[in-house]
PDB file of all heavy atoms in Angstrom:
ATOM      1  N   GLY A   1       4.190  -9.352  -6.127  1.00  0.00           N
ATOM      2  CA  GLY A   1       4.721  -8.082  -5.630  1.00  0.00           C
ATOM      3  C   GLY A   1       4.074  -7.721  -4.315  1.00  0.00           C
ATOM      4  O   GLY A   1       3.629  -8.587  -3.575  1.00  0.00           O
ATOM      5  N   THR A   2       4.004  -6.419  -4.032  1.00  0.00           N
ATOM      6  CA  THR A   2       3.361  -5.970  -2.800  1.00  0.00           C
ATOM      7  C   THR A   2       2.183  -5.068  -3.127  1.00  0.00           C
ATOM      8  O   THR A   2       2.154  -4.410  -4.173  1.00  0.00           O
ATOM      9  CB  THR A   2       4.341  -5.188  -1.895  1.00  0.00           C
ATOM     10  OG1 THR A   2       4.702  -3.979  -2.547  1.00  0.00           O
ATOM     11  CG2 THR A   2       5.571  -6.018  -1.552  1.00  0.00           C
ATOM     12  N   GLY A   3       1.240  -5.042  -2.215  1.00  0.00           N
ATOM     13  CA  GLY A   3       0.077  -4.188  -2.387  1.00  0.00           C
ATOM     14  C   GLY A   3       0.433  -2.722  -2.500  1.00  0.00           C
ATOM     15  O   GLY A   3      -0.262  -1.960  -3.172  1.00  0.00           O
ATOM     16  N   THR A   4       1.524  -2.320  -1.871  1.00  0.00           N
ATOM     17  CA  THR A   4       1.906  -0.910  -1.921  1.00  0.00           C
ATOM     18  C   THR A   4       2.316  -0.469  -3.327  1.00  0.00           C
ATOM     19  O   THR A   4       2.294   0.718  -3.628  1.00  0.00           O
ATOM     20  CB  THR A   4       3.029  -0.590  -0.916  1.00  0.00           C
ATOM     21  OG1 THR A   4       4.141  -1.444  -1.165  1.00  0.00           O
ATOM     22  CG2 THR A   4       2.540  -0.759   0.514  1.00  0.00           C
ATOM     23  N   GLU A   5       2.681  -1.409  -4.196  1.00  0.00           N
ATOM     24  CA  GLU A   5       2.997  -1.067  -5.585  1.00  0.00           C
ATOM     25  C   GLU A   5       1.783  -0.469  -6.292  1.00  0.00           C
ATOM     26  O   GLU A   5       1.928   0.301  -7.244  1.00  0.00           O
ATOM     27  CB  GLU A   5       3.483  -2.296  -6.341  1.00  0.00           C
ATOM     28  CG  GLU A   5       4.826  -2.801  -5.862  1.00  0.00           C
ATOM     29  CD  GLU A   5       5.220  -4.130  -6.489  1.00  0.00           C
ATOM     30  OE1 GLU A   5       4.872  -4.361  -7.671  1.00  0.00           O
ATOM     31  OE2 GLU A   5       5.874  -4.930  -5.802  1.00  0.00           O
ATOM     32  N   LEU A   6       0.593  -0.801  -5.810  1.00  0.00           N
ATOM     33  CA  LEU A   6      -0.630  -0.272  -6.416  1.00  0.00           C
ATOM     34  C   LEU A   6      -0.795   1.225  -6.149  1.00  0.00           C
ATOM     35  O   LEU A   6      -1.500   1.909  -6.890  1.00  0.00           O
ATOM     36  CB  LEU A   6      -1.842  -1.045  -5.913  1.00  0.00           C
ATOM     37  CG  LEU A   6      -1.850  -2.517  -6.301  1.00  0.00           C
ATOM     38  CD1 LEU A   6      -3.001  -3.242  -5.617  1.00  0.00           C
ATOM     39  CD2 LEU A   6      -1.926  -2.680  -7.812  1.00  0.00           C
ATOM     40  N   LEU A   7      -0.135   1.727  -5.114  1.00  0.00           N
ATOM     41  CA  LEU A   7      -0.177   3.173  -4.862  1.00  0.00           C
ATOM     42  C   LEU A   7       0.411   3.945  -6.038  1.00  0.00           C
ATOM     43  O   LEU A   7      -0.058   5.030  -6.377  1.00  0.00           O
ATOM     44  CB  LEU A   7       0.569   3.509  -3.571  1.00  0.00           C
ATOM     45  CG  LEU A   7      -0.093   3.051  -2.275  1.00  0.00           C
ATOM     46  CD1 LEU A   7       0.886   3.151  -1.109  1.00  0.00           C
ATOM     47  CD2 LEU A   7      -1.343   3.854  -2.000  1.00  0.00           C
ATOM     48  N   ASP A   8       1.436   3.382  -6.674  1.00  0.00           N
ATOM     49  CA  ASP A   8       2.037   4.038  -7.837  1.00  0.00           C
ATOM     50  C   ASP A   8       1.082   4.039  -9.024  1.00  0.00           C
ATOM     51  O   ASP A   8       1.067   4.986  -9.804  1.00  0.00           O
ATOM     52  CB  ASP A   8       3.351   3.357  -8.225  1.00  0.00           C
ATOM     53  CG  ASP A   8       4.427   3.569  -7.170  1.00  0.00           C
ATOM     54  OD1 ASP A   8       4.388   4.614  -6.492  1.00  0.00           O
ATOM     55  OD2 ASP A   8       5.284   2.690  -7.020  1.00  0.00           O
ATOM     56  N   VAL A   9       0.288   2.977  -9.149  1.00  0.00           N
ATOM     57  CA  VAL A   9      -0.706   2.921 -10.225  1.00  0.00           C
ATOM     58  C   VAL A   9      -1.763   4.002 -10.007  1.00  0.00           C
ATOM     59  O   VAL A   9      -2.192   4.674 -10.941  1.00  0.00           O
ATOM     60  CB  VAL A   9      -1.360   1.525 -10.306  1.00  0.00           C
ATOM     61  CG1 VAL A   9      -2.468   1.502 -11.352  1.00  0.00           C
ATOM     62  CG2 VAL A   9      -0.317   0.454 -10.597  1.00  0.00           C
ATOM     63  N   LEU A  10      -2.160   4.188  -8.743  1.00  0.00           N
ATOM     64  CA  LEU A  10      -3.161   5.205  -8.418  1.00  0.00           C
ATOM     65  C   LEU A  10      -2.631   6.618  -8.642  1.00  0.00           C
ATOM     66  O   LEU A  10      -3.371   7.515  -9.023  1.00  0.00           O
ATOM     67  CB  LEU A  10      -3.611   5.067  -6.968  1.00  0.00           C
ATOM     68  CG  LEU A  10      -4.521   3.887  -6.653  1.00  0.00           C
ATOM     69  CD1 LEU A  10      -4.699   3.747  -5.154  1.00  0.00           C
ATOM     70  CD2 LEU A  10      -5.863   4.061  -7.342  1.00  0.00           C
ATOM     71  N   GLY A  11      -1.365   6.826  -8.365  1.00  0.00           N
ATOM     72  CA  GLY A  11      -0.783   8.154  -8.508  1.00  0.00           C
ATOM     73  C   GLY A  11      -0.936   8.976  -7.240  1.00  0.00           C
ATOM     74  O   GLY A  11      -1.753   8.680  -6.375  1.00  0.00           O
ATOM     75  N   GLU A  12      -0.161  10.020  -7.147  1.00  0.00           N
ATOM     76  CA  GLU A  12      -0.109  10.874  -5.953  1.00  0.00           C
ATOM     77  C   GLU A  12      -1.412  11.616  -5.684  1.00  0.00           C
ATOM     78  O   GLU A  12      -1.773  11.864  -4.548  1.00  0.00           O
ATOM     79  CB  GLU A  12       1.026  11.901  -6.092  1.00  0.00           C
ATOM     80  CG  GLU A  12       2.405  11.306  -6.064  1.00  0.00           C
ATOM     81  CD  GLU A  12       2.859  10.901  -4.679  1.00  0.00           C
ATOM     82  OE1 GLU A  12       2.341  11.444  -3.692  1.00  0.00           O
ATOM     83  OE2 GLU A  12       3.737  10.028  -4.592  1.00  0.00           O
ATOM     84  N   GLU A  13      -2.117  11.999  -6.723  1.00  0.00           N
ATOM     85  CA  GLU A  13      -3.298  12.847  -6.563  1.00  0.00           C
ATOM     86  C   GLU A  13      -4.607  12.064  -6.506  1.00  0.00           C
ATOM     87  O   GLU A  13      -5.679  12.659  -6.482  1.00  0.00           O
ATOM     88  CB  GLU A  13      -3.358  13.862  -7.715  1.00  0.00           C
ATOM     89  CG  GLU A  13      -2.146  14.760  -7.800  1.00  0.00           C
ATOM     90  CD  GLU A  13      -1.878  15.525  -6.514  1.00  0.00           C
ATOM     91  OE1 GLU A  13      -2.840  16.051  -5.926  1.00  0.00           O
ATOM     92  OE2 GLU A  13      -0.714  15.586  -6.088  1.00  0.00           O
ATOM     93  N   ALA A  14      -4.539  10.766  -6.490  1.00  0.00           N
ATOM     94  CA  ALA A  14      -5.759   9.949  -6.515  1.00  0.00           C
ATOM     95  C   ALA A  14      -6.609  10.189  -5.267  1.00  0.00           C
ATOM     96  O   ALA A  14      -6.089  10.356  -4.169  1.00  0.00           O
ATOM     97  CB  ALA A  14      -5.398   8.475  -6.618  1.00  0.00           C
ATOM     98  N   SER A  15      -7.909  10.206  -5.466  1.00  0.00           N
ATOM     99  CA  SER A  15      -8.829  10.368  -4.334  1.00  0.00           C
ATOM    100  C   SER A  15      -9.230   9.024  -3.732  1.00  0.00           C
ATOM    101  O   SER A  15      -9.924   8.983  -2.722  1.00  0.00           O
ATOM    102  CB  SER A  15     -10.086  11.117  -4.785  1.00  0.00           C
ATOM    103  OG  SER A  15     -10.773  10.365  -5.768  1.00  0.00           O
ATOM    104  N   THR A  16      -8.792   7.946  -4.335  1.00  0.00           N
ATOM    105  CA  THR A  16      -9.107   6.604  -3.842  1.00  0.00           C
ATOM    106  C   THR A  16      -8.463   6.377  -2.482  1.00  0.00           C
ATOM    107  O   THR A  16      -7.274   6.619  -2.301  1.00  0.00           O
ATOM    108  CB  THR A  16      -8.592   5.540  -4.839  1.00  0.00           C
ATOM    109  OG1 THR A  16      -9.200   5.759  -6.107  1.00  0.00           O
ATOM    110  CG2 THR A  16      -8.909   4.137  -4.352  1.00  0.00           C
ATOM    111  N   ARG A  17      -9.256   5.913  -1.519  1.00  0.00           N
ATOM    112  CA  ARG A  17      -8.718   5.551  -0.206  1.00  0.00           C
ATOM    113  C   ARG A  17      -8.065   4.177  -0.328  1.00  0.00           C
ATOM    114  O   ARG A  17      -8.575   3.300  -1.024  1.00  0.00           O
ATOM    115  CB  ARG A  17      -9.808   5.494   0.851  1.00  0.00           C
ATOM    116  CG  ARG A  17     -10.632   6.763   0.981  1.00  0.00           C
ATOM    117  CD  ARG A  17      -9.758   7.938   1.421  1.00  0.00           C
ATOM    118  NE  ARG A  17     -10.558   9.052   1.870  1.00  0.00           N
ATOM    119  CZ  ARG A  17     -11.033  10.011   1.093  1.00  0.00           C
ATOM    120  NH1 ARG A  17     -10.804   9.987  -0.190  1.00  0.00           N
ATOM    121  NH2 ARG A  17     -11.744  10.995   1.597  1.00  0.00           N
ATOM    122  N   PHE A  18      -6.938   3.990   0.350  1.00  0.00           N
ATOM    123  CA  PHE A  18      -6.171   2.743   0.243  1.00  0.00           C
ATOM    124  C   PHE A  18      -5.958   2.157   1.632  1.00  0.00           C
ATOM    125  O   PHE A  18      -5.338   2.798   2.486  1.00  0.00           O
ATOM    126  CB  PHE A  18      -4.822   3.015  -0.429  1.00  0.00           C
ATOM    127  CG  PHE A  18      -4.135   1.782  -0.927  1.00  0.00           C
ATOM    128  CD1 PHE A  18      -4.241   1.407  -2.255  1.00  0.00           C
ATOM    129  CD2 PHE A  18      -3.400   0.988  -0.066  1.00  0.00           C
ATOM    130  CE1 PHE A  18      -3.601   0.265  -2.721  1.00  0.00           C
ATOM    131  CE2 PHE A  18      -2.769  -0.156  -0.511  1.00  0.00           C
ATOM    132  CZ  PHE A  18      -2.860  -0.525  -1.853  1.00  0.00           C
ATOM    133  N   VAL A  19      -6.471   0.961   1.844  1.00  0.00           N
ATOM    134  CA  VAL A  19      -6.312   0.258   3.115  1.00  0.00           C
ATOM    135  C   VAL A  19      -5.438  -0.962   2.861  1.00  0.00           C
ATOM    136  O   VAL A  19      -5.724  -1.772   1.973  1.00  0.00           O
ATOM    137  CB  VAL A  19      -7.675  -0.172   3.705  1.00  0.00           C
ATOM    138  CG1 VAL A  19      -7.483  -0.983   4.981  1.00  0.00           C
ATOM    139  CG2 VAL A  19      -8.549   1.052   3.972  1.00  0.00           C
ATOM    140  N   LEU A  20      -4.372  -1.090   3.627  1.00  0.00           N
ATOM    141  CA  LEU A  20      -3.433  -2.189   3.469  1.00  0.00           C
ATOM    142  C   LEU A  20      -3.699  -3.254   4.524  1.00  0.00           C
ATOM    143  O   LEU A  20      -3.817  -2.940   5.715  1.00  0.00           O
ATOM    144  CB  LEU A  20      -2.002  -1.672   3.596  1.00  0.00           C
ATOM    145  CG  LEU A  20      -0.900  -2.639   3.196  1.00  0.00           C
ATOM    146  CD1 LEU A  20      -0.944  -2.927   1.696  1.00  0.00           C
ATOM    147  CD2 LEU A  20       0.458  -2.077   3.584  1.00  0.00           C
ATOM    148  N   LEU A  21      -3.793  -4.507   4.072  1.00  0.00           N
ATOM    149  CA  LEU A  21      -3.946  -5.646   4.977  1.00  0.00           C
ATOM    150  C   LEU A  21      -2.580  -6.256   5.223  1.00  0.00           C
ATOM    151  O   LEU A  21      -1.826  -6.474   4.272  1.00  0.00           O
ATOM    152  CB  LEU A  21      -4.828  -6.729   4.345  1.00  0.00           C
ATOM    153  CG  LEU A  21      -6.255  -6.389   4.036  1.00  0.00           C
ATOM    154  CD1 LEU A  21      -6.921  -7.581   3.346  1.00  0.00           C
ATOM    155  CD2 LEU A  21      -6.997  -6.041   5.305  1.00  0.00           C
ATOM    156  N   THR A  22      -2.279  -6.521   6.470  1.00  0.00           N
ATOM    157  CA  THR A  22      -0.989  -7.135   6.781  1.00  0.00           C
ATOM    158  C   THR A  22      -1.139  -8.165   7.878  1.00  0.00           C
ATOM    159  O   THR A  22      -2.121  -8.170   8.619  1.00  0.00           O
ATOM    160  CB  THR A  22       0.040  -6.095   7.283  1.00  0.00           C
ATOM    161  OG1 THR A  22      -0.421  -5.565   8.524  1.00  0.00           O
ATOM    162  CG2 THR A  22       0.252  -4.983   6.290  1.00  0.00           C
ATOM    163  N   GLY A  23      -0.124  -9.016   7.953  1.00  0.00           N
ATOM    164  CA  GLY A  23       0.065  -9.833   9.129  1.00  0.00           C
ATOM    165  C   GLY A  23       0.891  -9.000  10.096  1.00  0.00           C
ATOM    166  O   GLY A  23       1.551  -8.045   9.690  1.00  0.00           O
ATOM    167  N   ILE A  24       0.856  -9.311  11.348  1.00  0.00           N
ATOM    168  CA  ILE A  24       1.574  -8.514  12.351  1.00  0.00           C
ATOM    169  C   ILE A  24       3.051  -8.375  11.999  1.00  0.00           C
ATOM    170  O   ILE A  24       3.622  -7.303  12.095  1.00  0.00           O
ATOM    171  CB  ILE A  24       1.407  -9.132  13.757  1.00  0.00           C
ATOM    172  CG1 ILE A  24      -0.056  -9.028  14.186  1.00  0.00           C
ATOM    173  CG2 ILE A  24       2.312  -8.445  14.771  1.00  0.00           C
ATOM    174  CD1 ILE A  24      -0.395  -9.791  15.442  1.00  0.00           C
ATOM    175  N   ILE A  25       3.677  -9.430  11.553  1.00  0.00           N
ATOM    176  CA  ILE A  25       5.110  -9.415  11.263  1.00  0.00           C
ATOM    177  C   ILE A  25       5.452  -8.521  10.069  1.00  0.00           C
ATOM    178  O   ILE A  25       6.564  -8.033   9.943  1.00  0.00           O
ATOM    179  CB  ILE A  25       5.613 -10.858  11.028  1.00  0.00           C
ATOM    180  CG1 ILE A  25       7.130 -10.940  11.146  1.00  0.00           C
ATOM    181  CG2 ILE A  25       5.189 -11.406   9.699  1.00  0.00           C
ATOM    182  CD1 ILE A  25       7.568 -11.297  12.514  1.00  0.00           C
ATOM    183  N   GLU A  26       4.496  -8.280   9.176  1.00  0.00           N
ATOM    184  CA  GLU A  26       4.768  -7.535   7.955  1.00  0.00           C
ATOM    185  C   GLU A  26       4.859  -6.026   8.152  1.00  0.00           C
ATOM    186  O   GLU A  26       5.369  -5.329   7.286  1.00  0.00           O
ATOM    187  CB  GLU A  26       3.680  -7.829   6.908  1.00  0.00           C
ATOM    188  CG  GLU A  26       3.680  -9.258   6.453  1.00  0.00           C
ATOM    189  CD  GLU A  26       2.487  -9.589   5.583  1.00  0.00           C
ATOM    190  OE1 GLU A  26       1.418  -8.952   5.739  1.00  0.00           O
ATOM    191  OE2 GLU A  26       2.625 -10.494   4.750  1.00  0.00           O
ATOM    192  N   TYR A  27       4.360  -5.495   9.263  1.00  0.00           N
ATOM    193  CA  TYR A  27       4.360  -4.045   9.468  1.00  0.00           C
ATOM    194  C   TYR A  27       5.728  -3.423   9.255  1.00  0.00           C
ATOM    195  O   TYR A  27       5.848  -2.353   8.682  1.00  0.00           O
ATOM    196  CB  TYR A  27       3.866  -3.681  10.877  1.00  0.00           C
ATOM    197  CG  TYR A  27       2.381  -3.517  10.972  1.00  0.00           C
ATOM    198  CD1 TYR A  27       1.621  -4.371  11.760  1.00  0.00           C
ATOM    199  CD2 TYR A  27       1.714  -2.504  10.292  1.00  0.00           C
ATOM    200  CE1 TYR A  27       0.255  -4.227  11.858  1.00  0.00           C
ATOM    201  CE2 TYR A  27       0.351  -2.349  10.377  1.00  0.00           C
ATOM    202  CZ  TYR A  27      -0.382  -3.216  11.158  1.00  0.00           C
ATOM    203  OH  TYR A  27      -1.723  -3.071  11.242  1.00  0.00           O
ATOM    204  N   SER A  28       6.774  -4.100   9.694  1.00  0.00           N
ATOM    205  CA  SER A  28       8.113  -3.523   9.593  1.00  0.00           C
ATOM    206  C   SER A  28       8.620  -3.481   8.159  1.00  0.00           C
ATOM    207  O   SER A  28       9.556  -2.755   7.861  1.00  0.00           O
ATOM    208  CB  SER A  28       9.092  -4.308  10.464  1.00  0.00           C
ATOM    209  OG  SER A  28       9.174  -5.646  10.012  1.00  0.00           O
ATOM    210  N   GLY A  29       8.009  -4.244   7.248  1.00  0.00           N
ATOM    211  CA  GLY A  29       8.469  -4.282   5.870  1.00  0.00           C
ATOM    212  C   GLY A  29       7.836  -3.246   4.968  1.00  0.00           C
ATOM    213  O   GLY A  29       8.165  -3.168   3.787  1.00  0.00           O
ATOM    214  N   ILE A  30       6.937  -2.428   5.496  1.00  0.00           N
ATOM    215  CA  ILE A  30       6.249  -1.438   4.675  1.00  0.00           C
ATOM    216  C   ILE A  30       7.138  -0.206   4.528  1.00  0.00           C
ATOM    217  O   ILE A  30       7.522   0.400   5.527  1.00  0.00           O
ATOM    218  CB  ILE A  30       4.899  -1.042   5.300  1.00  0.00           C
ATOM    219  CG1 ILE A  30       4.010  -2.276   5.438  1.00  0.00           C
ATOM    220  CG2 ILE A  30       4.214   0.036   4.470  1.00  0.00           C
ATOM    221  CD1 ILE A  30       2.767  -2.050   6.266  1.00  0.00           C
ATOM    222  N   PRO A  31       7.479   0.170   3.296  1.00  0.00           N
ATOM    223  CA  PRO A  31       8.322   1.357   3.114  1.00  0.00           C
ATOM    224  C   PRO A  31       7.653   2.608   3.696  1.00  0.00           C
ATOM    225  O   PRO A  31       6.441   2.778   3.605  1.00  0.00           O
ATOM    226  CB  PRO A  31       8.433   1.471   1.592  1.00  0.00           C
ATOM    227  CG  PRO A  31       8.078   0.120   1.062  1.00  0.00           C
ATOM    228  CD  PRO A  31       7.121  -0.471   2.052  1.00  0.00           C
TER     229      PRO A  31
END
């Protein structure tokens, strides 16, 4: 899957900071 799916596991109110690693070409695919 994608790393961004983990944001749903964390939930909207989570205090956890989330840093996404990408290749340059992948930036456009991030919702």
